[in-house]
C-alpha cells in the first residue's frame, strides 16, 4: 500500500513524541473508564514518561507506543504505566500505530505492526511485521500489508494488501481469501472475516478464513465495520451517515438512523442491545461518545465528553474504557 508524502507528514505530526529522556511531548495519552450511564468516570492509567498515543493489549496490562529516536518512529511495548519499555521495531524502520497499523494478539503474546519504508520521491510503502511481546522473533509478513486483525486463537492474522489474506503464524504462510478489499475484521467467535470490498465504492463483505462462502452487500456503501460479541451482526456507517447493522451472510440490513454528523460505530454492548458511537474520521475521533439503544423506541445518550481525541473504546460489563489524547503543554 502506497501513501502520499502529505499523508505521511500528517501521520508523523499526529504521532510525534519526544525523544527518550525529554521532559514533554506534543500530545499526552491516558486511559479512562466510565459506567455506561456516564457516571463514575476515572483515570485508570497514564504512561510515564508520557506518550502521544497508544494501543492496549486485550487484557489492558500492556501498551504499544511510538517514540522518535534519531529521526525514526520507533515502536515500543511497555506496561500500561509506561514501565519496563521494550523496543520492538528495528533501527532501519519507521513504525506506526496510527489506525490501522498495530494490534496485539488476543493472548497478548504477539504484536502485528506496519512499518513505513521509502519507495521513491514522495512515496512510502507499508510493510507488515509480527514480533513477540518481549521484542524477540521479528518476522516480515507482507509488503503493502496493513490493517492487521487477529483470529480468536492468536494463531492466524488477517490483513489487507489490495486483497484480503490470512497469515498462519506457525508456518509463516499467507493465503489469499478475497481478491479485492481492505480493512479486515475477524469475528470475535468463529471463522468469519468482515472486510470492506471494492466495487466502485465501499461495500461490506464477509468470507470464511479458508476463502469459502464469500458474500457482499449490494448497492450500498458501508464502512467502519464492527462485530457484535456473538459474531452474528456487524455495525456499519453508510455513506449517507446513517448507522445500521448487517448479518454475517450479508443478507439482512437494518438501518438505525443517524445520531449525528460523522457518527461511526465504536463497540457493541455485551448483550447486543446497545451500540457505543463516536464521531469523526479514522484515527481522529472527537472527544465524545453516545450510547445508542437499538430497540424501539430508539434513544441516544451522551456518556463521554473529553477535551481531546478518542481511540480504542471497549465495553466490558456495565463499564466502558477508552484512550484519550490531549495536547500537552511544555
C-alpha atoms as a PDB file:
ATOM      1  CA  UNK A   1       0.000   0.000   0.000  1.00  0.00           C
ATOM      2  CA  UNK A   2       1.426   3.374  -1.004  1.00  0.00           C
ATOM      3  CA  UNK A   3       0.660   6.608   0.778  1.00  0.00           C
ATOM      4  CA  UNK A   4       1.408  10.143  -0.297  1.00  0.00           C
ATOM      5  CA  UNK A   5       4.057  12.373   1.228  1.00  0.00           C
ATOM      6  CA  UNK A   6       1.302  14.688   2.511  1.00  0.00           C
ATOM      7  CA  UNK A   7      -0.470  11.848   4.324  1.00  0.00           C
ATOM      8  CA  UNK A   8       2.792  10.579   5.763  1.00  0.00           C
ATOM      9  CA  UNK A   9       3.565  14.074   7.047  1.00  0.00           C
ATOM     10  CA  UNK A  10       0.139  14.245   8.683  1.00  0.00           C
ATOM     11  CA  UNK A  11       0.628  10.866  10.344  1.00  0.00           C
ATOM     12  CA  UNK A  12       4.088  11.836  11.532  1.00  0.00           C
ATOM     13  CA  UNK A  13       2.757  15.051  13.060  1.00  0.00           C
ATOM     14  CA  UNK A  14      -0.082  13.267  14.815  1.00  0.00           C
ATOM     15  CA  UNK A  15       2.257  10.649  16.256  1.00  0.00           C
ATOM     16  CA  UNK A  16       5.175  12.946  17.100  1.00  0.00           C
ATOM     17  CA  UNK A  17       6.616  12.398  20.557  1.00  0.00           C
ATOM     18  CA  UNK A  18       9.714  13.477  22.353  1.00  0.00           C
ATOM     19  CA  UNK A  19      12.989  11.568  22.248  1.00  0.00           C
ATOM     20  CA  UNK A  20      13.657   9.289  25.182  1.00  0.00           C
ATOM     21  CA  UNK A  21      14.602  11.366  28.211  1.00  0.00           C
ATOM     22  CA  UNK A  22      12.898  14.617  27.116  1.00  0.00           C
ATOM     23  CA  UNK A  23      10.607  16.379  29.545  1.00  0.00           C
ATOM     24  CA  UNK A  24       7.466  16.876  27.457  1.00  0.00           C
ATOM     25  CA  UNK A  25       5.572  15.714  24.404  1.00  0.00           C
ATOM     26  CA  UNK A  26       3.270  17.419  21.941  1.00  0.00           C
ATOM     27  CA  UNK A  27       0.405  15.149  22.980  1.00  0.00           C
ATOM     28  CA  UNK A  28      -0.336  13.058  26.070  1.00  0.00           C
ATOM     29  CA  UNK A  29      -2.443   9.872  26.095  1.00  0.00           C
ATOM     30  CA  UNK A  30      -4.284   8.391  29.082  1.00  0.00           C
ATOM     31  CA  UNK A  31      -6.776   5.599  29.725  1.00  0.00           C
ATOM     32  CA  UNK A  32     -10.142   6.200  31.383  1.00  0.00           C
ATOM     33  CA  UNK A  33     -13.086   4.060  32.483  1.00  0.00           C
ATOM     34  CA  UNK A  34     -16.717   5.112  32.891  1.00  0.00           C
ATOM     35  CA  UNK A  35     -20.040   3.416  33.628  1.00  0.00           C
ATOM     36  CA  UNK A  36     -22.413   3.003  30.709  1.00  0.00           C
ATOM     37  CA  UNK A  37     -24.751   5.619  32.198  1.00  0.00           C
ATOM     38  CA  UNK A  38     -21.976   8.248  32.135  1.00  0.00           C
ATOM     39  CA  UNK A  39     -21.196   8.122  35.863  1.00  0.00           C
ATOM     40  CA  UNK A  40     -18.062   7.238  37.843  1.00  0.00           C
ATOM     41  CA  UNK A  41     -15.505   8.421  35.298  1.00  0.00           C
ATOM     42  CA  UNK A  42     -11.963   7.708  36.486  1.00  0.00           C
ATOM     43  CA  UNK A  43      -8.387   7.702  35.227  1.00  0.00           C
ATOM     44  CA  UNK A  44      -7.016   4.142  35.137  1.00  0.00           C
ATOM     45  CA  UNK A  45      -3.555   4.639  33.590  1.00  0.00           C
ATOM     46  CA  UNK A  46      -1.328   7.428  32.282  1.00  0.00           C
ATOM     47  CA  UNK A  47       2.072   6.292  30.985  1.00  0.00           C
ATOM     48  CA  UNK A  48       5.147   7.959  32.435  1.00  0.00           C
ATOM     49  CA  UNK A  49       7.138   9.245  30.560  1.00  0.00           C
ATOM     50  CA  UNK A  50       4.112  10.463  28.592  1.00  0.00           C
ATOM     51  CA  UNK A  51       3.290   9.142  25.116  1.00  0.00           C
ATOM     52  CA  UNK A  52       1.332  10.798  22.331  1.00  0.00           C
ATOM     53  CA  UNK A  53      -0.903   7.827  21.521  1.00  0.00           C
ATOM     54  CA  UNK A  54      -1.123   4.174  22.472  1.00  0.00           C
ATOM     55  CA  UNK A  55      -2.659   0.800  21.679  1.00  0.00           C
ATOM     56  CA  UNK A  56      -3.730  -1.506  24.519  1.00  0.00           C
ATOM     57  CA  UNK A  57      -3.395  -5.266  24.799  1.00  0.00           C
ATOM     58  CA  UNK A  58      -6.672  -7.240  25.167  1.00  0.00           C
ATOM     59  CA  UNK A  59      -6.199  -7.533  28.929  1.00  0.00           C
ATOM     60  CA  UNK A  60      -5.089  -3.912  29.240  1.00  0.00           C
ATOM     61  CA  UNK A  61      -1.820  -4.688  31.024  1.00  0.00           C
ATOM     62  CA  UNK A  62       0.449  -3.796  28.109  1.00  0.00           C
ATOM     63  CA  UNK A  63       0.552  -0.913  25.651  1.00  0.00           C
ATOM     64  CA  UNK A  64       2.219  -0.052  22.358  1.00  0.00           C
ATOM     65  CA  UNK A  65       3.512   3.440  21.692  1.00  0.00           C
ATOM     66  CA  UNK A  66       5.874   5.357  19.411  1.00  0.00           C
ATOM     67  CA  UNK A  67       8.927   7.429  20.298  1.00  0.00           C
ATOM     68  CA  UNK A  68      11.101   9.444  17.938  1.00  0.00           C
ATOM     69  CA  UNK A  69      14.760   8.315  18.025  1.00  0.00           C
ATOM     70  CA  UNK A  70      17.353   9.600  15.552  1.00  0.00           C
ATOM     71  CA  UNK A  71      14.622  10.728  13.177  1.00  0.00           C
ATOM     72  CA  UNK A  72      12.828   7.361  13.200  1.00  0.00           C
ATOM     73  CA  UNK A  73       9.460   6.430  14.700  1.00  0.00           C
ATOM     74  CA  UNK A  74      10.333   3.517  16.997  1.00  0.00           C
ATOM     75  CA  UNK A  75       7.735   1.075  18.310  1.00  0.00           C
ATOM     76  CA  UNK A  76       7.852   0.123  22.000  1.00  0.00           C
ATOM     77  CA  UNK A  77       5.821  -2.181  24.241  1.00  0.00           C
ATOM     78  CA  UNK A  78       5.516  -1.499  27.950  1.00  0.00           C
ATOM     79  CA  UNK A  79       3.297  -1.978  30.961  1.00  0.00           C
ATOM     80  CA  UNK A  80       0.232   0.301  30.965  1.00  0.00           C
ATOM     81  CA  UNK A  81       2.037   2.589  33.415  1.00  0.00           C
ATOM     82  CA  UNK A  82       4.867   3.005  30.903  1.00  0.00           C
ATOM     83  CA  UNK A  83       7.242   0.885  32.986  1.00  0.00           C
ATOM     84  CA  UNK A  84       9.701  -1.611  31.502  1.00  0.00           C
ATOM     85  CA  UNK A  85       9.624  -0.469  27.844  1.00  0.00           C
ATOM     86  CA  UNK A  86      10.893  -2.895  25.203  1.00  0.00           C
ATOM     87  CA  UNK A  87      11.923  -1.794  21.736  1.00  0.00           C
ATOM     88  CA  UNK A  88      10.142  -3.807  19.028  1.00  0.00           C
ATOM     89  CA  UNK A  89      10.972  -2.240  15.641  1.00  0.00           C
ATOM     90  CA  UNK A  90      14.447  -2.427  14.017  1.00  0.00           C
ATOM     91  CA  UNK A  91      16.661   0.668  13.565  1.00  0.00           C
ATOM     92  CA  UNK A  92      16.078   0.985   9.800  1.00  0.00           C
ATOM     93  CA  UNK A  93      12.264   1.110  10.047  1.00  0.00           C
ATOM     94  CA  UNK A  94       9.789   3.874  10.892  1.00  0.00           C
ATOM     95  CA  UNK A  95       6.914   2.135  12.673  1.00  0.00           C
ATOM     96  CA  UNK A  96       3.399   3.455  13.079  1.00  0.00           C
ATOM     97  CA  UNK A  97       0.443   2.623  15.312  1.00  0.00           C
ATOM     98  CA  UNK A  98      -1.966   5.001  13.616  1.00  0.00           C
ATOM     99  CA  UNK A  99      -5.134   3.067  12.904  1.00  0.00           C
ATOM    100  CA  UNK A 100      -4.983   0.513  11.347  1.00  0.00           C
ATOM    101  CA  UNK A 101      -1.320  -0.291  11.721  1.00  0.00           C
ATOM    102  CA  UNK A 102      -0.838  -2.232  15.010  1.00  0.00           C
ATOM    103  CA  UNK A 103      -2.635  -4.912  17.026  1.00  0.00           C
ATOM    104  CA  UNK A 104      -1.951  -7.271  19.930  1.00  0.00           C
ATOM    105  CA  UNK A 105      -2.939 -10.914  19.511  1.00  0.00           C
ATOM    106  CA  UNK A 106      -5.850 -11.965  21.790  1.00  0.00           C
ATOM    107  CA  UNK A 107      -3.446 -13.767  24.140  1.00  0.00           C
ATOM    108  CA  UNK A 108      -1.256 -10.634  24.317  1.00  0.00           C
ATOM    109  CA  UNK A 109       1.915 -12.515  23.348  1.00  0.00           C
ATOM    110  CA  UNK A 110       2.389 -11.342  19.754  1.00  0.00           C
ATOM    111  CA  UNK A 111       2.118  -7.979  18.022  1.00  0.00           C
ATOM    112  CA  UNK A 112       1.428  -7.199  14.384  1.00  0.00           C
ATOM    113  CA  UNK A 113       2.510  -3.773  13.165  1.00  0.00           C
ATOM    114  CA  UNK A 114       3.234  -1.878   9.971  1.00  0.00           C
ATOM    115  CA  UNK A 115       6.438  -0.044   9.196  1.00  0.00           C
ATOM    116  CA  UNK A 116       6.910   2.721   6.655  1.00  0.00           C
ATOM    117  CA  UNK A 117       9.597   2.208   4.024  1.00  0.00           C
ATOM    118  CA  UNK A 118      10.538   4.717   1.319  1.00  0.00           C
ATOM    119  CA  UNK A 119       9.687   3.680  -2.252  1.00  0.00           C
ATOM    120  CA  UNK A 120      10.908   6.810  -4.053  1.00  0.00           C
ATOM    121  CA  UNK A 121      10.239  10.531  -4.224  1.00  0.00           C
ATOM    122  CA  UNK A 122       7.216  11.356  -2.046  1.00  0.00           C
ATOM    123  CA  UNK A 123       6.344   7.683  -1.875  1.00  0.00           C
ATOM    124  CA  UNK A 124       6.170   5.344   1.108  1.00  0.00           C
ATOM    125  CA  UNK A 125       5.129   1.689   1.401  1.00  0.00           C
ATOM    126  CA  UNK A 126       3.663  -0.108   4.381  1.00  0.00           C
ATOM    127  CA  UNK A 127       5.303  -3.423   5.314  1.00  0.00           C
ATOM    128  CA  UNK A 128       3.609  -5.701   7.849  1.00  0.00           C
ATOM    129  CA  UNK A 129       5.611  -7.462  10.608  1.00  0.00           C
ATOM    130  CA  UNK A 130       4.923  -9.661  13.606  1.00  0.00           C
ATOM    131  CA  UNK A 131       7.050  -9.706  16.751  1.00  0.00           C
ATOM    132  CA  UNK A 132       6.813 -11.231  20.220  1.00  0.00           C
ATOM    133  CA  UNK A 133       5.796  -9.003  23.140  1.00  0.00           C
ATOM    134  CA  UNK A 134       9.331  -9.278  24.558  1.00  0.00           C
ATOM    135  CA  UNK A 135      10.838  -7.992  21.298  1.00  0.00           C
ATOM    136  CA  UNK A 136      12.097 -11.370  20.058  1.00  0.00           C
ATOM    137  CA  UNK A 137      11.476 -13.162  16.754  1.00  0.00           C
ATOM    138  CA  UNK A 138      10.728 -10.202  14.472  1.00  0.00           C
ATOM    139  CA  UNK A 139       9.324 -11.505  11.163  1.00  0.00           C
ATOM    140  CA  UNK A 140       8.245  -9.830   7.941  1.00  0.00           C
ATOM    141  CA  UNK A 141       4.730 -10.825   6.841  1.00  0.00           C
ATOM    142  CA  UNK A 142       3.956  -8.848   3.685  1.00  0.00           C
ATOM    143  CA  UNK A 143       4.947  -5.779   1.729  1.00  0.00           C
ATOM    144  CA  UNK A 144       1.969  -3.463   1.449  1.00  0.00           C
ATOM    145  CA  UNK A 145       0.271  -5.210   4.381  1.00  0.00           C
ATOM    146  CA  UNK A 146      -1.805  -3.207   6.842  1.00  0.00           C
ATOM    147  CA  UNK A 147      -4.946  -3.317   8.995  1.00  0.00           C
ATOM    148  CA  UNK A 148      -3.951  -6.469  10.942  1.00  0.00           C
ATOM    149  CA  UNK A 149      -6.785  -8.346  12.677  1.00  0.00           C
ATOM    150  CA  UNK A 150      -6.153 -11.438  14.786  1.00  0.00           C
ATOM    151  CA  UNK A 151      -8.148 -14.668  14.870  1.00  0.00           C
ATOM    152  CA  UNK A 152      -9.544 -15.573  18.325  1.00  0.00           C
ATOM    153  CA  UNK A 153      -6.981 -18.396  18.597  1.00  0.00           C
ATOM    154  CA  UNK A 154      -3.998 -15.962  18.175  1.00  0.00           C
ATOM    155  CA  UNK A 155      -2.553 -18.361  15.588  1.00  0.00           C
ATOM    156  CA  UNK A 156      -3.721 -16.544  12.451  1.00  0.00           C
ATOM    157  CA  UNK A 157      -3.756 -12.980  11.251  1.00  0.00           C
ATOM    158  CA  UNK A 158      -5.945 -11.359   8.598  1.00  0.00           C
ATOM    159  CA  UNK A 159      -4.583  -8.331   6.778  1.00  0.00           C
ATOM    160  CA  UNK A 160      -5.186  -6.195   3.719  1.00  0.00           C
ATOM    161  CA  UNK A 161      -2.752  -5.633   0.856  1.00  0.00           C
ATOM    162  CA  UNK A 162      -5.062  -4.700  -2.012  1.00  0.00           C
ATOM    163  CA  UNK A 163      -6.793  -8.011  -1.259  1.00  0.00           C
ATOM    164  CA  UNK A 164      -7.547  -9.956   1.932  1.00  0.00           C
ATOM    165  CA  UNK A 165      -5.036 -12.520   3.202  1.00  0.00           C
ATOM    166  CA  UNK A 166      -4.852 -14.860   6.191  1.00  0.00           C
ATOM    167  CA  UNK A 167      -1.368 -15.461   7.616  1.00  0.00           C
ATOM    168  CA  UNK A 168      -0.531 -18.557   9.676  1.00  0.00           C
ATOM    169  CA  UNK A 169       1.877 -17.566  12.458  1.00  0.00           C
ATOM    170  CA  UNK A 170       3.484 -21.009  12.864  1.00  0.00           C
ATOM    171  CA  UNK A 171       4.059 -21.840   9.191  1.00  0.00           C
ATOM    172  CA  UNK A 172       4.611 -18.175   8.220  1.00  0.00           C
ATOM    173  CA  UNK A 173       2.482 -18.741   5.097  1.00  0.00           C
ATOM    174  CA  UNK A 174      -0.165 -16.318   3.809  1.00  0.00           C
ATOM    175  CA  UNK A 175      -3.247 -17.362   1.873  1.00  0.00           C
ATOM    176  CA  UNK A 176      -5.437 -15.202  -0.359  1.00  0.00           C
ATOM    177  CA  UNK A 177      -9.075 -15.382   0.811  1.00  0.00           C
ATOM    178  CA  UNK A 178     -10.660 -12.455  -1.067  1.00  0.00           C
ATOM    179  CA  UNK A 179      -9.316 -10.968  -4.316  1.00  0.00           C
ATOM    180  CA  UNK A 180     -10.128  -7.309  -3.603  1.00  0.00           C
ATOM    181  CA  UNK A 181     -10.701  -5.410  -0.380  1.00  0.00           C
ATOM    182  CA  UNK A 182      -9.131  -3.946   2.738  1.00  0.00           C
ATOM    183  CA  UNK A 183      -9.757  -3.310   6.466  1.00  0.00           C
ATOM    184  CA  UNK A 184     -10.449  -6.927   7.508  1.00  0.00           C
ATOM    185  CA  UNK A 185     -12.017  -7.509  10.936  1.00  0.00           C
ATOM    186  CA  UNK A 186     -12.031 -11.056  12.311  1.00  0.00           C
ATOM    187  CA  UNK A 187     -15.236 -12.151  14.061  1.00  0.00           C
ATOM    188  CA  UNK A 188     -14.795 -12.478  17.843  1.00  0.00           C
ATOM    189  CA  UNK A 189     -16.192 -16.004  17.582  1.00  0.00           C
ATOM    190  CA  UNK A 190     -15.838 -18.460  14.717  1.00  0.00           C
ATOM    191  CA  UNK A 191     -14.148 -18.330  11.334  1.00  0.00           C
ATOM    192  CA  UNK A 192     -15.848 -15.390   9.598  1.00  0.00           C
ATOM    193  CA  UNK A 193     -13.969 -12.230   8.483  1.00  0.00           C
ATOM    194  CA  UNK A 194     -15.678  -8.948   7.591  1.00  0.00           C
ATOM    195  CA  UNK A 195     -13.929  -6.517   5.279  1.00  0.00           C
ATOM    196  CA  UNK A 196     -14.506  -3.506   3.083  1.00  0.00           C
ATOM    197  CA  UNK A 197     -14.862  -4.615  -0.524  1.00  0.00           C
ATOM    198  CA  UNK A 198     -14.353  -2.577  -3.667  1.00  0.00           C
ATOM    199  CA  UNK A 199     -16.968  -2.393  -6.395  1.00  0.00           C
ATOM    200  CA  UNK A 200     -16.734   1.242  -7.482  1.00  0.00           C
ATOM    201  CA  UNK A 201     -17.464   2.174  -3.864  1.00  0.00           C
ATOM    202  CA  UNK A 202     -17.019   0.540  -0.476  1.00  0.00           C
ATOM    203  CA  UNK A 203     -19.288  -2.402   0.339  1.00  0.00           C
ATOM    204  CA  UNK A 204     -19.439  -4.744   3.320  1.00  0.00           C
ATOM    205  CA  UNK A 205     -18.164  -8.247   2.545  1.00  0.00           C
ATOM    206  CA  UNK A 206     -17.801 -11.457   4.529  1.00  0.00           C
ATOM    207  CA  UNK A 207     -15.638 -14.511   3.945  1.00  0.00           C
ATOM    208  CA  UNK A 208     -14.615 -17.644   5.818  1.00  0.00           C
ATOM    209  CA  UNK A 209     -10.987 -17.905   6.882  1.00  0.00           C
ATOM    210  CA  UNK A 210     -10.387 -20.588   4.236  1.00  0.00           C
ATOM    211  CA  UNK A 211     -11.724 -18.326   1.466  1.00  0.00           C
ATOM    212  CA  UNK A 212     -15.094 -20.059   1.126  1.00  0.00           C
ATOM    213  CA  UNK A 213     -18.613 -18.657   1.451  1.00  0.00           C
ATOM    214  CA  UNK A 214     -17.802 -15.122   0.329  1.00  0.00           C
ATOM    215  CA  UNK A 215     -20.729 -12.696   0.151  1.00  0.00           C
ATOM    216  CA  UNK A 216     -21.048  -8.893  -0.177  1.00  0.00           C
ATOM    217  CA  UNK A 217     -23.819  -6.354   0.189  1.00  0.00           C
ATOM    218  CA  UNK A 218     -25.183  -4.781  -2.985  1.00  0.00           C
ATOM    219  CA  UNK A 219     -25.685  -1.182  -3.980  1.00  0.00           C
ATOM    220  CA  UNK A 220     -24.815   0.336  -0.613  1.00  0.00           C
ATOM    221  CA  UNK A 221     -21.608   1.947   0.644  1.00  0.00           C
ATOM    222  CA  UNK A 222     -20.933   0.550   4.119  1.00  0.00           C
ATOM    223  CA  UNK A 223     -17.765   1.240   6.123  1.00  0.00           C
ATOM    224  CA  UNK A 224     -16.445   1.312   9.736  1.00  0.00           C
ATOM    225  CA  UNK A 225     -17.348  -2.328  10.356  1.00  0.00           C
ATOM    226  CA  UNK A 226     -17.647  -3.508  13.997  1.00  0.00           C
ATOM    227  CA  UNK A 227     -18.629  -7.062  15.014  1.00  0.00           C
ATOM    228  CA  UNK A 228     -21.167  -7.830  17.739  1.00  0.00           C
ATOM    229  CA  UNK A 229     -19.926 -10.062  20.551  1.00  0.00           C
ATOM    230  CA  UNK A 230     -21.833 -13.116  19.286  1.00  0.00           C
ATOM    231  CA  UNK A 231     -20.398 -12.783  15.775  1.00  0.00           C
ATOM    232  CA  UNK A 232     -23.811 -12.647  14.128  1.00  0.00           C
ATOM    233  CA  UNK A 233     -24.011  -8.945  13.178  1.00  0.00           C
ATOM    234  CA  UNK A 234     -21.710  -6.161  12.033  1.00  0.00           C
ATOM    235  CA  UNK A 235     -22.444  -2.499  12.688  1.00  0.00           C
ATOM    236  CA  UNK A 236     -21.609  -0.042   9.924  1.00  0.00           C
ATOM    237  CA  UNK A 237     -21.685   3.554   8.773  1.00  0.00           C
ATOM    238  CA  UNK A 238     -23.345   4.267   5.444  1.00  0.00           C
ATOM    239  CA  UNK A 239     -22.186   6.966   3.014  1.00  0.00           C
ATOM    240  CA  UNK A 240     -25.320   8.974   3.878  1.00  0.00           C
ATOM    241  CA  UNK A 241     -24.059   8.959   7.511  1.00  0.00           C
ATOM    242  CA  UNK A 242     -26.765   6.572   8.688  1.00  0.00           C
ATOM    243  CA  UNK A 243     -25.759   3.776  11.039  1.00  0.00           C
ATOM    244  CA  UNK A 244     -27.023   0.221  10.873  1.00  0.00           C
ATOM    245  CA  UNK A 245     -26.111  -3.426  11.051  1.00  0.00           C
ATOM    246  CA  UNK A 246     -25.860  -6.310   8.595  1.00  0.00           C
ATOM    247  CA  UNK A 247     -25.854 -10.030   9.359  1.00  0.00           C
ATOM    248  CA  UNK A 248     -22.739 -12.107   8.681  1.00  0.00           C
ATOM    249  CA  UNK A 249     -24.212 -13.547   5.467  1.00  0.00           C
ATOM    250  CA  UNK A 250     -24.743 -10.056   4.007  1.00  0.00           C
ATOM    251  CA  UNK A 251     -28.443 -10.839   3.533  1.00  0.00           C
ATOM    252  CA  UNK A 252     -30.253  -8.673   6.066  1.00  0.00           C
ATOM    253  CA  UNK A 253     -29.555  -4.968   6.597  1.00  0.00           C
ATOM    254  CA  UNK A 254     -31.231  -2.865   9.275  1.00  0.00           C
ATOM    255  CA  UNK A 255     -30.814   0.904   9.490  1.00  0.00           C
ATOM    256  CA  UNK A 256     -30.655   2.733  12.820  1.00  0.00           C
ATOM    257  CA  UNK A 257     -30.750   6.368  11.695  1.00  0.00           C
ATOM    258  CA  UNK A 258     -28.019   8.924  12.363  1.00  0.00           C
ATOM    259  CA  UNK A 259     -27.087  10.060  15.898  1.00  0.00           C
ATOM    260  CA  UNK A 260     -25.170  12.987  14.366  1.00  0.00           C
ATOM    261  CA  UNK A 261     -22.779  14.055  11.656  1.00  0.00           C
ATOM    262  CA  UNK A 262     -19.720  11.813  11.201  1.00  0.00           C
ATOM    263  CA  UNK A 263     -21.115   9.223  13.639  1.00  0.00           C
ATOM    264  CA  UNK A 264     -19.335   5.855  13.487  1.00  0.00           C
ATOM    265  CA  UNK A 265     -19.890   2.617  15.431  1.00  0.00           C
ATOM    266  CA  UNK A 266     -17.327   2.015  18.175  1.00  0.00           C
ATOM    267  CA  UNK A 267     -18.367  -1.027  20.245  1.00  0.00           C
ATOM    268  CA  UNK A 268     -21.399  -3.233  20.932  1.00  0.00           C
ATOM    269  CA  UNK A 269     -22.628  -3.751  24.473  1.00  0.00           C
ATOM    270  CA  UNK A 270     -22.080  -7.315  25.764  1.00  0.00           C
ATOM    271  CA  UNK A 271     -25.812  -8.082  25.475  1.00  0.00           C
ATOM    272  CA  UNK A 272     -26.031  -6.703  21.919  1.00  0.00           C
ATOM    273  CA  UNK A 273     -28.801  -4.250  22.793  1.00  0.00           C
ATOM    274  CA  UNK A 274     -26.810  -1.019  22.604  1.00  0.00           C
ATOM    275  CA  UNK A 275     -24.109   0.440  20.420  1.00  0.00           C
ATOM    276  CA  UNK A 276     -21.449   2.909  21.543  1.00  0.00           C
ATOM    277  CA  UNK A 277     -20.935   5.546  18.842  1.00  0.00           C
ATOM    278  CA  UNK A 278     -18.156   8.067  18.353  1.00  0.00           C
ATOM    279  CA  UNK A 279     -17.791  10.941  15.937  1.00  0.00           C
ATOM    280  CA  UNK A 280     -15.092  11.861  13.429  1.00  0.00           C
ATOM    281  CA  UNK A 281     -12.893  10.043  10.899  1.00  0.00           C
ATOM    282  CA  UNK A 282     -10.473   7.123  11.266  1.00  0.00           C
ATOM    283  CA  UNK A 283      -7.756   7.978  13.768  1.00  0.00           C
ATOM    284  CA  UNK A 284      -9.243  11.363  14.665  1.00  0.00           C
ATOM    285  CA  UNK A 285     -12.386  10.813  16.720  1.00  0.00           C
ATOM    286  CA  UNK A 286     -13.865  13.798  18.525  1.00  0.00           C
ATOM    287  CA  UNK A 287     -13.873  13.699  22.304  1.00  0.00           C
ATOM    288  CA  UNK A 288     -17.354  12.351  22.936  1.00  0.00           C
ATOM    289  CA  UNK A 289     -19.290   9.072  22.824  1.00  0.00           C
ATOM    290  CA  UNK A 290     -23.029   8.396  22.613  1.00  0.00           C
ATOM    291  CA  UNK A 291     -24.744   5.135  23.509  1.00  0.00           C
ATOM    292  CA  UNK A 292     -27.491   4.212  21.050  1.00  0.00           C
ATOM    293  CA  UNK A 293     -30.313   1.961  22.231  1.00  0.00           C
ATOM    294  CA  UNK A 294     -31.123  -0.389  19.337  1.00  0.00           C
ATOM    295  CA  UNK A 295     -34.644  -1.455  20.323  1.00  0.00           C
ATOM    296  CA  UNK A 296     -37.668   0.692  19.586  1.00  0.00           C
ATOM    297  CA  UNK A 297     -38.109   3.410  20.683  1.00  0.00           C
ATOM    298  CA  UNK A 298     -34.510   4.174  19.752  1.00  0.00           C
ATOM    299  CA  UNK A 299     -32.643   6.548  22.072  1.00  0.00           C
ATOM    300  CA  UNK A 300     -29.159   8.076  22.042  1.00  0.00           C
ATOM    301  CA  UNK A 301     -27.408   9.357  25.166  1.00  0.00           C
ATOM    302  CA  UNK A 302     -24.080  11.203  25.517  1.00  0.00           C
ATOM    303  CA  UNK A 303     -21.910   9.443  28.122  1.00  0.00           C
ATOM    304  CA  UNK A 304     -18.366  10.644  27.333  1.00  0.00           C
ATOM    305  CA  UNK A 305     -17.167  14.182  26.695  1.00  0.00           C
ATOM    306  CA  UNK A 306     -13.426  14.807  26.717  1.00  0.00           C
ATOM    307  CA  UNK A 307     -11.154  17.658  25.657  1.00  0.00           C
ATOM    308  CA  UNK A 308      -9.172  15.575  23.183  1.00  0.00           C
ATOM    309  CA  UNK A 309      -9.451  12.795  20.619  1.00  0.00           C
ATOM    310  CA  UNK A 310     -10.594   9.261  21.437  1.00  0.00           C
ATOM    311  CA  UNK A 311      -9.487   5.781  20.404  1.00  0.00           C
ATOM    312  CA  UNK A 312      -9.697   2.120  21.457  1.00  0.00           C
ATOM    313  CA  UNK A 313     -13.155   2.174  23.069  1.00  0.00           C
ATOM    314  CA  UNK A 314     -14.101  -1.102  24.789  1.00  0.00           C
ATOM    315  CA  UNK A 315     -17.212  -2.301  26.580  1.00  0.00           C
ATOM    316  CA  UNK A 316     -16.909  -4.733  29.496  1.00  0.00           C
ATOM    317  CA  UNK A 317     -19.961  -5.444  31.640  1.00  0.00           C
ATOM    318  CA  UNK A 318     -21.524  -2.110  32.649  1.00  0.00           C
ATOM    319  CA  UNK A 319     -18.322  -0.154  32.044  1.00  0.00           C
ATOM    320  CA  UNK A 320     -16.567   1.330  29.026  1.00  0.00           C
ATOM    321  CA  UNK A 321     -12.896   2.191  28.761  1.00  0.00           C
ATOM    322  CA  UNK A 322     -11.137   4.337  26.196  1.00  0.00           C
ATOM    323  CA  UNK A 323      -7.934   6.198  25.349  1.00  0.00           C
ATOM    324  CA  UNK A 324      -7.995   9.992  25.212  1.00  0.00           C
ATOM    325  CA  UNK A 325      -5.171  12.037  23.690  1.00  0.00           C
ATOM    326  CA  UNK A 326      -4.824  15.701  24.665  1.00  0.00           C
ATOM    327  CA  UNK A 327      -2.463  18.470  23.660  1.00  0.00           C
ATOM    328  CA  UNK A 328       0.329  18.614  26.198  1.00  0.00           C
ATOM    329  CA  UNK A 329       1.900  21.936  27.172  1.00  0.00           C
ATOM    330  CA  UNK A 330       5.654  22.236  27.808  1.00  0.00           C
END
